[in-house]
Amino acid sequence: MPLSEREFHQQVDELLQQVEDCFDASDLDTDLENSGGLLTIRLPNASQVILSRQPALKELWIAARSGGFHCQYDPAQQRWVCPATGETLGALLERVTREQSGESLDFQSL
């Protein structure tokens, strides 16, 4: 069953906070800005990863050096998944963070 609009916003709010918490718990020197459903992550080398809420499509979009990715909530897995790559959001964030910063962070809980 698809997420209601209220559930979508609640899920994304919680998810963005979890992403922030993962970066805050790491030793990676990042600058995080969360405003209006848009989380901008500035990495030490000045590159960015941006997560943005897309309510009309009920998707979470990720912009990274390697491209743009659209994640959808999969109720069967109870996780956000990128249909184009088959990765969970956690695996996708691990990959793009490693590609852009050279550091490995653990986002498996996502």
Protein backbone atom coordinates (compact mmCIF):
# COMPACT_ATOMS: atom_id res chain seq x y z
CA MET A 1 0.00 0.00 0.00
CA PRO A 2 1.47 3.39 -0.99
CA LEU A 3 2.29 5.98 1.64
CA SER A 4 -0.30 8.63 2.39
CA GLU A 5 0.88 12.21 2.08
CA ARG A 6 1.17 12.52 5.87
CA GLU A 7 3.12 9.24 6.11
CA PHE A 8 5.41 10.33 3.27
CA HIS A 9 6.33 13.59 5.03
CA GLN A 10 6.80 11.82 8.36
CA GLN A 11 9.01 9.14 6.76
CA VAL A 12 11.17 11.72 4.96
CA ASP A 13 11.51 13.93 8.07
CA GLU A 14 12.70 10.92 10.10
CA LEU A 15 14.99 9.75 7.31
CA LEU A 16 16.67 13.13 6.86
CA GLN A 17 17.28 13.27 10.62
CA GLN A 18 18.81 9.77 10.52
CA VAL A 19 21.11 10.84 7.66
CA GLU A 20 22.18 13.89 9.66
CA ASP A 21 22.80 11.71 12.72
CA CYS A 22 25.02 9.33 10.68
CA PHE A 23 27.16 12.22 9.45
CA ASP A 24 27.28 13.82 12.92
CA ALA A 25 28.44 10.51 14.46
CA SER A 26 31.27 10.17 11.93
CA ASP A 27 34.72 11.73 11.97
CA LEU A 28 34.09 13.23 8.53
CA ASP A 29 34.17 17.04 8.65
CA THR A 30 30.87 17.92 6.99
CA ASP A 31 28.59 20.92 6.97
CA LEU A 32 24.91 19.97 7.05
CA GLU A 33 21.99 22.23 6.21
CA ASN A 34 18.42 20.95 6.49
CA SER A 35 15.77 23.37 5.29
CA GLY A 36 12.28 22.71 3.98
CA GLY A 37 12.84 19.08 3.06
CA LEU A 38 16.21 19.74 1.44
CA LEU A 39 19.33 18.35 3.13
CA THR A 40 22.60 19.68 1.75
CA ILE A 41 25.74 17.83 2.80
CA ARG A 42 28.98 19.69 2.13
CA LEU A 43 31.94 17.34 2.24
CA PRO A 44 35.52 18.32 3.19
CA ASN A 45 36.60 18.59 -0.47
CA ALA A 46 33.78 21.13 -1.14
CA SER A 47 31.67 18.63 -3.08
CA GLN A 48 28.02 18.20 -2.11
CA VAL A 49 25.37 15.53 -1.80
CA ILE A 50 21.82 16.85 -1.76
CA LEU A 51 18.71 14.98 -0.64
CA SER A 52 15.40 16.56 -1.59
CA ARG A 53 11.80 15.68 -0.86
CA GLN A 54 9.54 15.38 -3.90
CA PRO A 55 5.99 15.26 -2.48
CA ALA A 56 4.12 15.19 -5.79
CA LEU A 57 5.91 11.94 -6.73
CA LYS A 58 6.40 10.70 -3.15
CA GLU A 59 10.09 10.28 -3.90
CA LEU A 60 13.36 11.28 -2.31
CA TRP A 61 15.89 12.58 -4.82
CA ILE A 62 19.64 12.42 -4.31
CA ALA A 63 22.01 14.64 -6.29
CA ALA A 64 25.67 13.59 -6.29
CA ARG A 65 28.68 13.92 -8.57
CA SER A 66 27.87 10.55 -10.11
CA GLY A 67 24.34 11.61 -11.03
CA GLY A 68 20.80 12.10 -9.86
CA PHE A 69 18.92 9.27 -8.18
CA HIS A 70 15.24 8.89 -7.37
CA CYS A 71 14.30 6.74 -4.38
CA GLN A 72 10.86 5.36 -3.65
CA TYR A 73 9.56 3.79 -0.48
CA ASP A 74 9.24 0.02 -0.80
CA PRO A 75 6.65 -1.17 1.75
CA ALA A 76 7.73 -4.81 1.37
CA GLN A 77 11.31 -3.97 2.44
CA GLN A 78 10.23 -1.03 4.61
CA ARG A 79 13.10 0.90 3.04
CA TRP A 80 13.74 3.56 0.45
CA VAL A 81 15.09 2.04 -2.76
CA CYS A 82 16.49 3.45 -6.01
CA PRO A 83 14.74 1.47 -8.79
CA ALA A 84 17.39 2.49 -11.36
CA THR A 85 20.28 0.94 -9.42
CA GLY A 86 18.46 -1.50 -7.13
CA GLU A 87 20.30 -0.01 -4.13
CA THR A 88 18.70 0.84 -0.84
CA LEU A 89 19.08 4.47 0.13
CA GLY A 90 21.68 3.42 2.72
CA ALA A 91 23.81 1.62 0.14
CA LEU A 92 23.45 4.51 -2.30
CA LEU A 93 24.55 7.06 0.33
CA GLU A 94 27.49 4.85 1.33
CA ARG A 95 28.61 4.66 -2.30
CA VAL A 96 28.29 8.35 -3.20
CA THR A 97 29.89 9.47 0.08
CA ARG A 98 32.85 7.13 -0.52
CA GLU A 99 33.15 8.25 -4.17
CA GLN A 100 33.12 11.93 -3.24
CA SER A 101 35.02 11.97 0.05
CA GLY A 102 37.11 8.80 0.01
CA GLU A 103 35.61 7.92 3.41
CA SER A 104 33.31 5.00 4.18
CA LEU A 105 30.37 5.70 6.44
CA ASP A 106 27.76 3.22 7.63
CA PHE A 107 24.25 3.98 6.43
CA GLN A 108 22.99 0.37 6.56
CA SER A 109 20.30 1.29 9.08
CA LEU A 110 18.57 3.34 6.41
